C-alpha atoms as a PDB file:
ATOM      1  CA  MET A   1      28.713 111.901 -38.436  1.00  0.00           C
ATOM      2  CA  ASN A   2      30.278 108.809 -36.960  1.00  0.00           C
ATOM      3  CA  ALA A   3      29.069 105.907 -34.854  1.00  0.00           C
ATOM      4  CA  ASN A   4      30.947 103.065 -33.234  1.00  0.00           C
ATOM      5  CA  VAL A   5      29.873  99.930 -31.437  1.00  0.00           C
ATOM      6  CA  ILE A   6      32.133  98.287 -28.899  1.00  0.00           C
ATOM      7  CA  TRP A   7      31.558  94.654 -28.064  1.00  0.00           C
ATOM      8  CA  LYS A   8      30.828  93.948 -24.392  1.00  0.00           C
ATOM      9  CA  GLY A   9      30.306  90.180 -24.656  1.00  0.00           C
ATOM     10  CA  ASN A  10      27.693  87.824 -26.092  1.00  0.00           C
ATOM     11  CA  LEU A  11      25.439  90.082 -28.195  1.00  0.00           C
ATOM     12  CA  ALA A  12      25.895  93.187 -26.032  1.00  0.00           C
ATOM     13  CA  PHE A  13      27.527  96.328 -27.412  1.00  0.00           C
ATOM     14  CA  ALA A  14      27.950  99.926 -26.345  1.00  0.00           C
ATOM     15  CA  GLY A  15      27.011 102.291 -29.146  1.00  0.00           C
ATOM     16  CA  GLU A  16      28.909 105.586 -29.187  1.00  0.00           C
ATOM     17  CA  THR A  17      28.324 108.617 -31.379  1.00  0.00           C
ATOM     18  CA  ASP A  18      29.955 111.982 -32.067  1.00  0.00           C
ATOM     19  CA  SER A  19      27.747 113.550 -29.402  1.00  0.00           C
ATOM     20  CA  GLY A  20      29.556 111.501 -26.766  1.00  0.00           C
ATOM     21  CA  PHE A  21      26.567 109.553 -25.509  1.00  0.00           C
ATOM     22  CA  SER A  22      26.728 105.816 -25.012  1.00  0.00           C
ATOM     23  CA  ILE A  23      23.708 103.643 -25.767  1.00  0.00           C
ATOM     24  CA  PRO A  24      23.543 100.003 -24.672  1.00  0.00           C
ATOM     25  CA  LEU A  25      22.626  97.579 -27.455  1.00  0.00           C
ATOM     26  CA  ASP A  26      21.636  93.978 -26.936  1.00  0.00           C
ATOM     27  CA  ALA A  27      19.405  91.229 -28.234  1.00  0.00           C
ATOM     28  CA  ASP A  28      16.559  89.221 -26.783  1.00  0.00           C
ATOM     29  CA  ALA A  29      17.578  86.281 -24.588  1.00  0.00           C
ATOM     30  CA  ALA A  30      15.820  83.939 -27.027  1.00  0.00           C
ATOM     31  CA  VAL A  31      18.498  84.689 -29.644  1.00  0.00           C
ATOM     32  CA  GLY A  32      21.515  84.757 -27.338  1.00  0.00           C
ATOM     33  CA  GLY A  33      21.394  88.220 -25.843  1.00  0.00           C
ATOM     34  CA  ALA A  34      20.899  89.252 -22.245  1.00  0.00           C
ATOM     35  CA  ASP A  35      18.076  91.730 -22.944  1.00  0.00           C
ATOM     36  CA  GLY A  36      20.293  94.519 -21.602  1.00  0.00           C
ATOM     37  CA  GLY A  37      19.795  97.244 -24.180  1.00  0.00           C
ATOM     38  CA  ALA A  38      17.871  98.595 -27.120  1.00  0.00           C
ATOM     39  CA  ARG A  39      17.678  96.632 -30.344  1.00  0.00           C
ATOM     40  CA  PRO A  40      19.344  98.294 -33.343  1.00  0.00           C
ATOM     41  CA  MET A  41      16.094  98.309 -35.353  1.00  0.00           C
ATOM     42  CA  GLU A  42      14.329 100.012 -32.437  1.00  0.00           C
ATOM     43  CA  LEU A  43      16.897 102.779 -32.624  1.00  0.00           C
ATOM     44  CA  ILE A  44      16.160 103.346 -36.305  1.00  0.00           C
ATOM     45  CA  ILE A  45      12.468 103.939 -35.569  1.00  0.00           C
ATOM     46  CA  LEU A  46      13.291 105.942 -32.458  1.00  0.00           C
ATOM     47  CA  GLY A  47      15.530 108.121 -34.620  1.00  0.00           C
ATOM     48  CA  LEU A  48      12.641 108.645 -37.053  1.00  0.00           C
ATOM     49  CA  ALA A  49      10.258 109.579 -34.225  1.00  0.00           C
ATOM     50  CA  GLY A  50      12.773 111.892 -32.573  1.00  0.00           C
ATOM     51  CA  CYS A  51      13.775 113.602 -35.809  1.00  0.00           C
ATOM     52  CA  THR A  52      10.240 114.511 -36.874  1.00  0.00           C
ATOM     53  CA  ALA A  53       9.194 115.334 -33.284  1.00  0.00           C
ATOM     54  CA  MET A  54      11.972 117.911 -32.933  1.00  0.00           C
ATOM     55  CA  ASP A  55      10.967 119.526 -36.232  1.00  0.00           C
ATOM     56  CA  VAL A  56       7.252 119.671 -35.462  1.00  0.00           C
ATOM     57  CA  ILE A  57       7.559 121.023 -31.903  1.00  0.00           C
ATOM     58  CA  SER A  58      10.072 123.639 -33.064  1.00  0.00           C
ATOM     59  CA  ILE A  59       7.761 124.807 -35.859  1.00  0.00           C
ATOM     60  CA  LEU A  60       4.733 124.898 -33.539  1.00  0.00           C
ATOM     61  CA  GLY A  61       6.731 127.053 -31.139  1.00  0.00           C
ATOM     62  CA  LYS A  62       7.597 129.479 -33.945  1.00  0.00           C
ATOM     63  CA  LYS A  63       3.889 129.588 -34.817  1.00  0.00           C
ATOM     64  CA  CYS A  64       3.168 130.613 -31.192  1.00  0.00           C
ATOM     65  CA  GLN A  65       1.051 127.527 -30.500  1.00  0.00           C
ATOM     66  CA  GLU A  66       0.417 126.935 -26.786  1.00  0.00           C
ATOM     67  CA  VAL A  67       1.455 123.271 -26.647  1.00  0.00           C
ATOM     68  CA  THR A  68       1.389 121.675 -23.192  1.00  0.00           C
ATOM     69  CA  ARG A  69       2.099 118.074 -24.220  1.00  0.00           C
ATOM     70  CA  PHE A  70       3.427 116.570 -27.428  1.00  0.00           C
ATOM     71  CA  GLU A  71       4.075 112.957 -28.380  1.00  0.00           C
ATOM     72  CA  VAL A  72       5.019 111.130 -31.544  1.00  0.00           C
ATOM     73  CA  HIS A  73       4.184 107.441 -31.874  1.00  0.00           C
ATOM     74  CA  VAL A  74       5.590 105.272 -34.658  1.00  0.00           C
ATOM     75  CA  ASP A  75       4.111 101.897 -35.526  1.00  0.00           C
ATOM     76  CA  ALA A  76       6.413 100.156 -38.009  1.00  0.00           C
ATOM     77  CA  PRO A  77       5.662  96.511 -38.801  1.00  0.00           C
ATOM     78  CA  ARG A  78       8.492  94.317 -40.033  1.00  0.00           C
ATOM     79  CA  ALA A  79       8.645  91.556 -42.624  1.00  0.00           C
ATOM     80  CA  GLU A  80       8.305  88.065 -41.195  1.00  0.00           C
ATOM     81  CA  GLN A  81      11.290  86.713 -43.131  1.00  0.00           C
ATOM     82  CA  HIS A  82      14.918  87.755 -42.755  1.00  0.00           C
ATOM     83  CA  PRO A  83      16.245  90.381 -43.036  1.00  0.00           C
ATOM     84  CA  LYS A  84      12.961  91.500 -41.397  1.00  0.00           C
ATOM     85  CA  VAL A  85      12.989  95.020 -42.807  1.00  0.00           C
ATOM     86  CA  PHE A  86      10.328  97.598 -41.988  1.00  0.00           C
ATOM     87  CA  THR A  87       7.443  97.306 -44.434  1.00  0.00           C
ATOM     88  CA  SER A  88       5.572 100.522 -43.610  1.00  0.00           C
ATOM     89  CA  ALA A  89       5.083 103.047 -40.835  1.00  0.00           C
ATOM     90  CA  VAL A  90       2.291 105.045 -39.281  1.00  0.00           C
ATOM     91  CA  ILE A  91       3.545 108.159 -37.523  1.00  0.00           C
ATOM     92  CA  LYS A  92       1.009 109.697 -35.141  1.00  0.00           C
ATOM     93  CA  TYR A  93       1.520 113.207 -33.793  1.00  0.00           C
ATOM     94  CA  VAL A  94      -0.460 113.874 -30.601  1.00  0.00           C
ATOM     95  CA  VAL A  95      -0.641 117.569 -29.717  1.00  0.00           C
ATOM     96  CA  SER A  96      -2.297 118.877 -26.561  1.00  0.00           C
ATOM     97  CA  GLY A  97      -2.670 122.492 -25.507  1.00  0.00           C
ATOM     98  CA  ARG A  98      -4.832 125.549 -25.654  1.00  0.00           C
ATOM     99  CA  ASN A  99      -6.406 126.785 -28.888  1.00  0.00           C
ATOM    100  CA  ILE A 100      -4.088 124.708 -31.081  1.00  0.00           C
ATOM    101  CA  ASP A 101      -4.558 125.663 -34.728  1.00  0.00           C
ATOM    102  CA  GLU A 102      -5.046 122.619 -36.964  1.00  0.00           C
ATOM    103  CA  ALA A 103      -3.545 124.405 -39.986  1.00  0.00           C
ATOM    104  CA  SER A 104      -0.382 125.096 -37.970  1.00  0.00           C
ATOM    105  CA  VAL A 105      -0.096 121.432 -36.997  1.00  0.00           C
ATOM    106  CA  LEU A 106      -0.592 120.335 -40.600  1.00  0.00           C
ATOM    107  CA  ARG A 107       2.020 122.820 -41.831  1.00  0.00           C
ATOM    108  CA  ALA A 108       4.518 121.653 -39.193  1.00  0.00           C
ATOM    109  CA  ILE A 109       3.961 118.015 -40.226  1.00  0.00           C
ATOM    110  CA  GLU A 110       4.311 118.963 -43.887  1.00  0.00           C
ATOM    111  CA  LEU A 111       7.570 120.852 -43.348  1.00  0.00           C
ATOM    112  CA  SER A 112       9.048 117.997 -41.358  1.00  0.00           C
ATOM    113  CA  ALA A 113       7.998 115.432 -43.977  1.00  0.00           C
ATOM    114  CA  THR A 114       9.048 117.371 -47.058  1.00  0.00           C
ATOM    115  CA  ARG A 115      11.894 119.591 -45.964  1.00  0.00           C
ATOM    116  CA  TYR A 116      13.573 119.122 -42.592  1.00  0.00           C
ATOM    117  CA  CYS A 117      13.622 115.541 -41.266  1.00  0.00           C
ATOM    118  CA  PRO A 118      16.447 113.568 -42.920  1.00  0.00           C
ATOM    119  CA  ALA A 119      15.354 110.325 -41.238  1.00  0.00           C
ATOM    120  CA  GLN A 120      11.877 110.655 -42.713  1.00  0.00           C
ATOM    121  CA  ALA A 121      13.245 111.609 -46.136  1.00  0.00           C
ATOM    122  CA  MET A 122      15.624 108.651 -46.200  1.00  0.00           C
ATOM    123  CA  LEU A 123      13.303 105.988 -44.780  1.00  0.00           C
ATOM    124  CA  GLY A 124      10.411 107.261 -46.889  1.00  0.00           C
ATOM    125  CA  LYS A 125      12.332 106.100 -49.957  1.00  0.00           C
ATOM    126  CA  VAL A 126      12.305 102.544 -48.593  1.00  0.00           C
ATOM    127  CA  PHE A 127       8.821 102.057 -47.163  1.00  0.00           C
ATOM    128  CA  PRO A 128       5.507 103.963 -47.210  1.00  0.00           C
ATOM    129  CA  MET A 129       4.519 106.174 -44.284  1.00  0.00           C
ATOM    130  CA  GLU A 130       1.148 107.520 -43.180  1.00  0.00           C
ATOM    131  CA  LEU A 131       1.176 110.678 -41.072  1.00  0.00           C
ATOM    132  CA  HIS A 132      -1.716 110.900 -38.603  1.00  0.00           C
ATOM    133  CA  TYR A 133      -2.446 113.614 -36.068  1.00  0.00           C
ATOM    134  CA  GLU A 134      -4.660 114.217 -33.060  1.00  0.00           C
ATOM    135  CA  ILE A 135      -5.235 117.601 -31.425  1.00  0.00           C
ATOM    136  CA  TYR A 136      -6.520 117.828 -27.848  1.00  0.00           C
ATOM    137  CA  GLU A 137      -7.767 120.861 -25.924  1.00  0.00           C
ATOM    138  CA  ASP A 138      -6.726 121.101 -22.295  1.00  0.00           C
ATOM    139  CA  GLU A 139      -9.564 121.281 -19.791  1.00  0.00           C
ATOM    140  CA  GLU A 140      -9.684 122.463 -16.190  1.00  0.00           C
ATOM    141  CA  GLY A 141      -7.582 120.259 -13.944  1.00  0.00           C
ATOM    142  CA  GLU A 142      -5.853 117.364 -15.675  1.00  0.00           C
ATOM    143  CA  GLY A 143      -8.416 116.636 -18.382  1.00  0.00           C
ATOM    144  CA  LYS A 144      -8.407 117.123 -22.114  1.00  0.00           C
ATOM    145  CA  HIS A 145     -10.753 116.406 -24.991  1.00  0.00           C
ATOM    146  CA  LEU A 146     -10.165 115.493 -28.606  1.00  0.00           C
ATOM    147  CA  VAL A 147     -10.763 118.443 -30.914  1.00  0.00           C
ATOM    148  CA  THR A 148      -9.826 116.903 -34.250  1.00  0.00           C
ATOM    149  CA  GLN A 149      -7.842 114.156 -35.858  1.00  0.00           C
ATOM    150  CA  GLY A 150      -6.833 113.263 -39.367  1.00  0.00           C
ATOM    151  CA  ILE A 151      -4.200 112.167 -41.829  1.00  0.00           C
ATOM    152  CA  TRP A 152      -1.832 114.573 -43.521  1.00  0.00           C
ATOM    153  CA  GLN A 153      -2.622 114.220 -47.221  1.00  0.00           C
ATOM    154  CA  GLY A 154       0.436 115.897 -48.651  1.00  0.00           C
ATOM    155  CA  LEU A 155       3.063 114.719 -51.041  1.00  0.00           C
ATOM    156  CA  PRO A 156       4.126 111.083 -50.869  1.00  0.00           C
ATOM    157  CA  VAL A 157       6.761 110.680 -48.174  1.00  0.00           C
END
């Protein structure tokens, strides 16, 4: 896997990867950027969220769960002093659908955390992560109601 960044001026870069997609990178105007792209540290957390999300939704599909909406939220505070690394993360999986089985959601989270997600495996060696989940049941129309929520209590990530 390869990645390149090409300088566009000031603190703006175009990030390019093997997949051929270009991602604009920039910094906040307060530090000399033009606020024209994602911050590199944002991309690290976005990669974590995307990696585990793809695992979990794939596993839920294989378990024949009727998922109608799925989101993964990552809250990752950073140290106040440079180099301002991530100090921890809370990953919240929000699953909506019909008759979603809690055990299937927990197993999908477990498999992502312990077996499939390289971003989670790598970053979990650097800072602690809590894995939360919420399961919602779809109602008539556009509504939904919370069925259950919890924290995956598996092996340390």
